[in-house]
Amino acid sequence: MNPTRTFAALALAAAAACERKPVVETEPVALTPPSFQYPEELWDAGVEGKTVLRILITEQGSVDSARVETPSGYAAFDSAALAGTGALRFDPAKRDGTPVRKWVLLPVEFDITPPADSAKPAAAQETRTQ
């Protein structure tokens, strides 16, 4: 084999690879707000937790498969997180504009504290009379 020919072939292949456009990939985007059922017994006990799921989002934007990646330490949280994935809808991941299947991590937090924006407005707070 001629080393000069081998080198020339490799140089041509490298040049051709440099001329290819980079692949553009986008992540899936949630279309529906997550709605996970807080397990009643843990709510009543004041227990909070976080389960991280690994979900497979299809080309159509639905969840094909889900599994617990990082358990919360409470089977009820992990089960509720898995059960809630069926209603999720996404704009799927895309590769060069074409929808593709993609595994992603989804943290599911079970938090008893209401969000800060749901606090009572100042006008509705109790006032004292002197």
N, C-alpha and C. Protein backbone atom coordinates (compact mmCIF):
# COMPACT_ATOMS: atom_id res chain seq x y z
N MET A 1 0.84 -1.17 0.00
CA MET A 1 0.00 0.00 0.00
C MET A 1 0.89 1.23 0.00
N ASN A 2 0.53 2.20 -0.79
CA ASN A 2 1.29 3.43 -0.93
C ASN A 2 0.90 4.39 0.19
N PRO A 3 1.87 4.78 1.07
CA PRO A 3 1.55 5.68 2.19
C PRO A 3 1.07 7.05 1.72
N THR A 4 1.55 7.51 0.58
CA THR A 4 1.14 8.83 0.07
C THR A 4 -0.33 8.80 -0.32
N ARG A 5 -0.74 7.69 -0.96
CA ARG A 5 -2.15 7.55 -1.35
C ARG A 5 -3.05 7.47 -0.12
N THR A 6 -2.63 6.72 0.89
CA THR A 6 -3.42 6.58 2.11
C THR A 6 -3.60 7.94 2.78
N PHE A 7 -2.50 8.71 2.86
CA PHE A 7 -2.56 10.03 3.46
C PHE A 7 -3.49 10.95 2.67
N ALA A 8 -3.42 10.89 1.35
CA ALA A 8 -4.27 11.73 0.50
C ALA A 8 -5.74 11.37 0.69
N ALA A 9 -6.03 10.09 0.80
CA ALA A 9 -7.41 9.67 1.01
C ALA A 9 -7.93 10.15 2.36
N LEU A 10 -7.09 10.06 3.38
CA LEU A 10 -7.49 10.55 4.71
C LEU A 10 -7.70 12.06 4.70
N ALA A 11 -6.84 12.78 4.00
CA ALA A 11 -6.97 14.23 3.91
C ALA A 11 -8.26 14.62 3.21
N LEU A 12 -8.62 13.90 2.15
CA LEU A 12 -9.88 14.17 1.44
C LEU A 12 -11.08 13.88 2.32
N ALA A 13 -11.02 12.79 3.06
CA ALA A 13 -12.13 12.43 3.95
C ALA A 13 -12.28 13.47 5.06
N ALA A 14 -11.17 13.94 5.59
CA ALA A 14 -11.22 14.97 6.64
C ALA A 14 -11.79 16.27 6.09
N ALA A 15 -11.40 16.64 4.90
CA ALA A 15 -11.91 17.87 4.28
C ALA A 15 -13.41 17.76 4.03
N ALA A 16 -13.86 16.60 3.58
CA ALA A 16 -15.29 16.40 3.33
C ALA A 16 -16.08 16.47 4.63
N ALA A 17 -15.52 15.94 5.72
CA ALA A 17 -16.19 15.98 7.01
C ALA A 17 -16.31 17.41 7.51
N CYS A 18 -15.33 18.24 7.24
CA CYS A 18 -15.36 19.64 7.66
C CYS A 18 -16.40 20.44 6.90
N GLU A 19 -16.74 20.02 5.70
CA GLU A 19 -17.69 20.76 4.88
C GLU A 19 -19.13 20.44 5.24
N ARG A 20 -19.39 19.36 5.99
CA ARG A 20 -20.75 19.01 6.37
C ARG A 20 -21.28 20.03 7.36
N LYS A 21 -22.57 20.28 7.24
CA LYS A 21 -23.22 21.18 8.19
C LYS A 21 -23.33 20.48 9.54
N PRO A 22 -23.23 21.23 10.63
CA PRO A 22 -23.41 20.60 11.93
C PRO A 22 -24.87 20.16 12.11
N VAL A 23 -25.05 19.10 12.85
CA VAL A 23 -26.39 18.59 13.14
C VAL A 23 -27.01 19.50 14.20
N VAL A 24 -28.23 19.96 13.95
CA VAL A 24 -28.93 20.82 14.90
C VAL A 24 -29.95 19.97 15.65
N GLU A 25 -29.77 19.90 16.98
CA GLU A 25 -30.69 19.13 17.81
C GLU A 25 -31.37 20.05 18.80
N THR A 26 -32.66 19.82 19.01
CA THR A 26 -33.41 20.57 20.02
C THR A 26 -33.96 19.60 21.05
N GLU A 27 -34.14 20.08 22.25
CA GLU A 27 -34.69 19.27 23.34
C GLU A 27 -36.22 19.30 23.26
N PRO A 28 -36.87 18.30 23.86
CA PRO A 28 -38.33 18.34 23.93
C PRO A 28 -38.78 19.51 24.82
N VAL A 29 -39.97 20.03 24.53
CA VAL A 29 -40.53 21.14 25.31
C VAL A 29 -41.91 20.71 25.80
N ALA A 30 -42.16 20.86 27.09
CA ALA A 30 -43.45 20.47 27.67
C ALA A 30 -44.57 21.34 27.10
N LEU A 31 -45.65 20.70 26.68
CA LEU A 31 -46.83 21.41 26.18
C LEU A 31 -47.94 21.45 27.22
N THR A 32 -47.92 20.49 28.15
CA THR A 32 -48.92 20.44 29.21
C THR A 32 -48.22 20.65 30.54
N PRO A 33 -48.85 21.37 31.45
CA PRO A 33 -48.23 21.52 32.76
C PRO A 33 -48.25 20.18 33.50
N PRO A 34 -47.17 19.88 34.21
CA PRO A 34 -47.16 18.60 34.93
C PRO A 34 -48.23 18.61 36.02
N SER A 35 -48.89 17.49 36.18
CA SER A 35 -49.93 17.36 37.19
C SER A 35 -49.77 15.99 37.85
N PHE A 36 -49.05 15.98 38.95
CA PHE A 36 -48.80 14.72 39.64
C PHE A 36 -49.63 14.71 40.93
N GLN A 37 -50.26 13.59 41.21
CA GLN A 37 -51.12 13.44 42.38
C GLN A 37 -50.25 13.25 43.62
N TYR A 38 -50.36 14.17 44.57
CA TYR A 38 -49.61 14.07 45.83
C TYR A 38 -50.21 12.92 46.63
N PRO A 39 -49.43 11.94 47.06
CA PRO A 39 -49.99 10.84 47.84
C PRO A 39 -50.59 11.38 49.15
N GLU A 40 -51.85 11.08 49.38
CA GLU A 40 -52.60 11.65 50.51
C GLU A 40 -51.94 11.38 51.85
N GLU A 41 -51.46 10.15 52.04
CA GLU A 41 -50.86 9.80 53.35
C GLU A 41 -49.58 10.61 53.62
N LEU A 42 -48.83 10.92 52.56
CA LEU A 42 -47.61 11.72 52.75
C LEU A 42 -47.95 13.19 52.92
N TRP A 43 -49.00 13.65 52.25
CA TRP A 43 -49.48 15.03 52.43
C TRP A 43 -49.91 15.24 53.89
N ASP A 44 -50.74 14.30 54.38
CA ASP A 44 -51.24 14.40 55.74
C ASP A 44 -50.11 14.36 56.77
N ALA A 45 -49.05 13.63 56.46
CA ALA A 45 -47.91 13.52 57.37
C ALA A 45 -46.93 14.69 57.20
N GLY A 46 -47.18 15.57 56.22
CA GLY A 46 -46.29 16.72 56.00
C GLY A 46 -44.96 16.34 55.37
N VAL A 47 -44.94 15.23 54.64
CA VAL A 47 -43.70 14.75 54.03
C VAL A 47 -43.55 15.34 52.62
N GLU A 48 -42.36 15.82 52.31
CA GLU A 48 -42.04 16.31 50.98
C GLU A 48 -40.96 15.44 50.37
N GLY A 49 -40.82 15.47 49.06
CA GLY A 49 -39.79 14.66 48.42
C GLY A 49 -39.63 14.98 46.96
N LYS A 50 -38.62 14.34 46.37
CA LYS A 50 -38.32 14.55 44.96
C LYS A 50 -37.93 13.22 44.34
N THR A 51 -38.59 12.90 43.23
CA THR A 51 -38.28 11.71 42.44
C THR A 51 -37.78 12.19 41.09
N VAL A 52 -36.69 11.60 40.61
CA VAL A 52 -36.22 11.93 39.26
C VAL A 52 -36.53 10.74 38.36
N LEU A 53 -37.28 11.04 37.29
CA LEU A 53 -37.65 10.01 36.33
C LEU A 53 -36.80 10.12 35.07
N ARG A 54 -36.61 9.01 34.40
CA ARG A 54 -36.04 8.99 33.05
C ARG A 54 -37.20 8.61 32.14
N ILE A 55 -37.57 9.52 31.22
CA ILE A 55 -38.72 9.25 30.36
C ILE A 55 -38.28 9.27 28.90
N LEU A 56 -38.94 8.42 28.10
CA LEU A 56 -38.69 8.36 26.67
C LEU A 56 -39.85 9.07 25.98
N ILE A 57 -39.53 10.18 25.32
CA ILE A 57 -40.54 10.96 24.61
C ILE A 57 -40.50 10.56 23.14
N THR A 58 -41.67 10.22 22.60
CA THR A 58 -41.75 9.75 21.22
C THR A 58 -41.69 10.90 20.22
N GLU A 59 -41.64 10.53 18.96
CA GLU A 59 -41.65 11.51 17.88
C GLU A 59 -42.96 12.30 17.84
N GLN A 60 -44.01 11.73 18.42
CA GLN A 60 -45.31 12.40 18.46
C GLN A 60 -45.48 13.27 19.72
N GLY A 61 -44.54 13.17 20.66
CA GLY A 61 -44.57 14.01 21.86
C GLY A 61 -45.23 13.38 23.07
N SER A 62 -45.52 12.09 23.02
CA SER A 62 -46.09 11.42 24.19
C SER A 62 -44.97 10.65 24.91
N VAL A 63 -45.26 10.22 26.13
CA VAL A 63 -44.28 9.45 26.91
C VAL A 63 -44.48 7.98 26.60
N ASP A 64 -43.43 7.35 26.07
CA ASP A 64 -43.48 5.93 25.72
C ASP A 64 -43.13 5.07 26.92
N SER A 65 -42.07 5.44 27.63
CA SER A 65 -41.58 4.66 28.77
C SER A 65 -41.13 5.61 29.86
N ALA A 66 -41.22 5.13 31.09
CA ALA A 66 -40.74 5.92 32.22
C ALA A 66 -40.20 4.96 33.27
N ARG A 67 -39.12 5.39 33.92
CA ARG A 67 -38.57 4.60 35.03
C ARG A 67 -37.97 5.57 36.04
N VAL A 68 -37.87 5.11 37.27
CA VAL A 68 -37.30 5.94 38.33
C VAL A 68 -35.78 5.92 38.18
N GLU A 69 -35.22 7.09 37.99
CA GLU A 69 -33.76 7.24 37.91
C GLU A 69 -33.17 7.44 39.30
N THR A 70 -33.80 8.34 40.08
CA THR A 70 -33.37 8.60 41.45
C THR A 70 -34.61 8.54 42.34
N PRO A 71 -34.72 7.52 43.18
CA PRO A 71 -35.90 7.41 44.03
C PRO A 71 -35.93 8.48 45.12
N SER A 72 -37.13 8.78 45.58
CA SER A 72 -37.32 9.79 46.62
C SER A 72 -37.07 9.25 48.01
N GLY A 73 -37.13 7.94 48.15
CA GLY A 73 -37.06 7.34 49.47
C GLY A 73 -38.44 6.93 49.96
N TYR A 74 -39.47 7.32 49.19
CA TYR A 74 -40.86 6.97 49.51
C TYR A 74 -41.48 6.33 48.27
N ALA A 75 -41.89 5.08 48.40
CA ALA A 75 -42.47 4.36 47.27
C ALA A 75 -43.71 5.08 46.73
N ALA A 76 -44.47 5.71 47.60
CA ALA A 76 -45.70 6.40 47.16
C ALA A 76 -45.37 7.59 46.24
N PHE A 77 -44.29 8.34 46.54
CA PHE A 77 -43.88 9.44 45.65
C PHE A 77 -43.44 8.88 44.30
N ASP A 78 -42.62 7.84 44.34
CA ASP A 78 -42.10 7.27 43.10
C ASP A 78 -43.24 6.73 42.22
N SER A 79 -44.21 6.07 42.84
CA SER A 79 -45.36 5.54 42.09
C SER A 79 -46.22 6.66 41.52
N ALA A 80 -46.45 7.70 42.31
CA ALA A 80 -47.26 8.84 41.84
C ALA A 80 -46.56 9.55 40.68
N ALA A 81 -45.25 9.67 40.74
CA ALA A 81 -44.51 10.31 39.66
C ALA A 81 -44.64 9.49 38.38
N LEU A 82 -44.46 8.18 38.48
CA LEU A 82 -44.60 7.32 37.30
C LEU A 82 -46.02 7.37 36.73
N ALA A 83 -47.02 7.35 37.61
CA ALA A 83 -48.41 7.36 37.16
C ALA A 83 -48.76 8.66 36.43
N GLY A 84 -48.14 9.76 36.81
CA GLY A 84 -48.47 11.05 36.21
C GLY A 84 -47.87 11.29 34.85
N THR A 85 -46.99 10.43 34.38
CA THR A 85 -46.33 10.68 33.10
C THR A 85 -47.24 10.43 31.90
N GLY A 86 -48.28 9.64 32.07
CA GLY A 86 -49.16 9.31 30.96
C GLY A 86 -49.88 10.51 30.37
N ALA A 87 -50.13 11.53 31.19
CA ALA A 87 -50.86 12.71 30.71
C ALA A 87 -49.95 13.79 30.13
N LEU A 88 -48.65 13.60 30.23
CA LEU A 88 -47.72 14.62 29.74
C LEU A 88 -47.66 14.63 28.22
N ARG A 89 -47.56 15.82 27.63
CA ARG A 89 -47.40 15.98 26.19
C ARG A 89 -46.28 16.97 25.93
N PHE A 90 -45.51 16.70 24.88
CA PHE A 90 -44.33 17.50 24.55
C PHE A 90 -44.30 17.84 23.07
N ASP A 91 -43.63 18.94 22.78
CA ASP A 91 -43.17 19.18 21.42
C ASP A 91 -41.90 18.33 21.38
N PRO A 92 -41.82 17.30 20.55
CA PRO A 92 -40.71 16.35 20.64
C PRO A 92 -39.35 16.96 20.32
N ALA A 93 -38.31 16.25 20.71
CA ALA A 93 -36.96 16.63 20.33
C ALA A 93 -36.86 16.55 18.82
N LYS A 94 -35.97 17.35 18.27
CA LYS A 94 -35.80 17.33 16.81
C LYS A 94 -34.31 17.28 16.46
N ARG A 95 -34.03 16.58 15.37
CA ARG A 95 -32.69 16.53 14.81
C ARG A 95 -32.81 17.03 13.38
N ASP A 96 -32.19 18.17 13.13
CA ASP A 96 -32.29 18.82 11.82
C ASP A 96 -33.75 19.00 11.40
N GLY A 97 -34.60 19.37 12.37
CA GLY A 97 -36.00 19.66 12.08
C GLY A 97 -36.92 18.46 12.06
N THR A 98 -36.37 17.25 12.16
CA THR A 98 -37.18 16.04 12.12
C THR A 98 -37.40 15.53 13.54
N PRO A 99 -38.67 15.29 13.96
CA PRO A 99 -38.92 14.77 15.31
C PRO A 99 -38.22 13.43 15.53
N VAL A 100 -37.64 13.28 16.73
CA VAL A 100 -36.94 12.05 17.10
C VAL A 100 -37.32 11.66 18.52
N ARG A 101 -37.16 10.36 18.82
CA ARG A 101 -37.36 9.86 20.18
C ARG A 101 -36.17 10.30 21.03
N LYS A 102 -36.44 10.60 22.30
CA LYS A 102 -35.33 11.02 23.15
C LYS A 102 -35.63 10.71 24.61
N TRP A 103 -34.61 10.18 25.29
CA TRP A 103 -34.68 9.98 26.73
C TRP A 103 -34.29 11.29 27.41
N VAL A 104 -35.06 11.69 28.42
CA VAL A 104 -34.74 12.88 29.20
C VAL A 104 -34.98 12.61 30.67
N LEU A 105 -34.34 13.40 31.52
CA LEU A 105 -34.58 13.31 32.96
C LEU A 105 -35.67 14.31 33.33
N LEU A 106 -36.58 13.88 34.19
CA LEU A 106 -37.68 14.73 34.63
C LEU A 106 -37.74 14.70 36.15
N PRO A 107 -37.32 15.80 36.81
CA PRO A 107 -37.46 15.84 38.27
C PRO A 107 -38.91 16.14 38.64
N VAL A 108 -39.44 15.39 39.59
CA VAL A 108 -40.81 15.60 40.06
C VAL A 108 -40.72 15.92 41.55
N GLU A 109 -41.07 17.16 41.91
CA GLU A 109 -40.99 17.58 43.30
C GLU A 109 -42.36 17.58 43.93
N PHE A 110 -42.44 16.96 45.09
CA PHE A 110 -43.66 16.95 45.88
C PHE A 110 -43.41 17.91 47.05
N ASP A 111 -44.02 19.09 46.94
CA ASP A 111 -43.76 20.19 47.87
C ASP A 111 -45.09 20.66 48.44
N ILE A 112 -45.20 20.67 49.74
CA ILE A 112 -46.44 21.09 50.40
C ILE A 112 -46.58 22.61 50.40
N THR A 113 -45.47 23.33 50.46
CA THR A 113 -45.50 24.78 50.51
C THR A 113 -46.08 25.34 49.22
N PRO A 114 -47.09 26.22 49.33
CA PRO A 114 -47.64 26.81 48.10
C PRO A 114 -46.62 27.73 47.45
N PRO A 115 -46.69 27.90 46.13
CA PRO A 115 -45.76 28.81 45.45
C PRO A 115 -45.90 30.22 46.00
N ALA A 116 -44.83 31.00 45.94
CA ALA A 116 -44.80 32.35 46.49
C ALA A 116 -45.83 33.25 45.84
N ASP A 117 -46.14 33.04 44.55
CA ASP A 117 -47.08 33.92 43.86
C ASP A 117 -48.53 33.67 44.26
N SER A 118 -48.78 32.65 45.10
CA SER A 118 -50.16 32.40 45.53
C SER A 118 -50.42 32.96 46.93
N ALA A 119 -49.48 33.76 47.46
CA ALA A 119 -49.68 34.38 48.77
C ALA A 119 -50.84 35.36 48.69
N LYS A 120 -51.44 35.61 49.85
CA LYS A 120 -52.56 36.55 49.89
C LYS A 120 -52.10 37.94 49.48
N PRO A 121 -52.91 38.67 48.70
CA PRO A 121 -52.56 40.05 48.41
C PRO A 121 -52.66 40.90 49.68
N ALA A 122 -51.90 41.98 49.73
CA ALA A 122 -51.86 42.83 50.93
C ALA A 122 -53.24 43.30 51.33
N ALA A 123 -54.11 43.63 50.37
CA ALA A 123 -55.44 44.12 50.67
C ALA A 123 -56.31 43.08 51.37
N ALA A 124 -56.00 41.81 51.15
CA ALA A 124 -56.81 40.75 51.76
C ALA A 124 -56.29 40.33 53.12
N GLN A 125 -55.14 40.84 53.54
CA GLN A 125 -54.58 40.47 54.83
C GLN A 125 -55.39 41.13 55.95
N GLU A 126 -55.36 40.47 57.08
CA GLU A 126 -56.10 40.97 58.24
C GLU A 126 -55.50 42.29 58.71
N THR A 127 -56.32 43.23 59.06
CA THR A 127 -55.84 44.51 59.60
C THR A 127 -56.29 44.64 61.05
N ARG A 128 -55.51 45.39 61.82
CA ARG A 128 -55.84 45.62 63.23
C ARG A 128 -56.44 47.01 63.39
N THR A 129 -57.36 47.09 64.31
CA THR A 129 -57.92 48.42 64.62
C THR A 129 -57.35 48.85 65.95
N GLN A 130 -57.16 50.17 66.15
CA GLN A 130 -56.59 50.67 67.42
C GLN A 130 -57.64 51.14 68.35
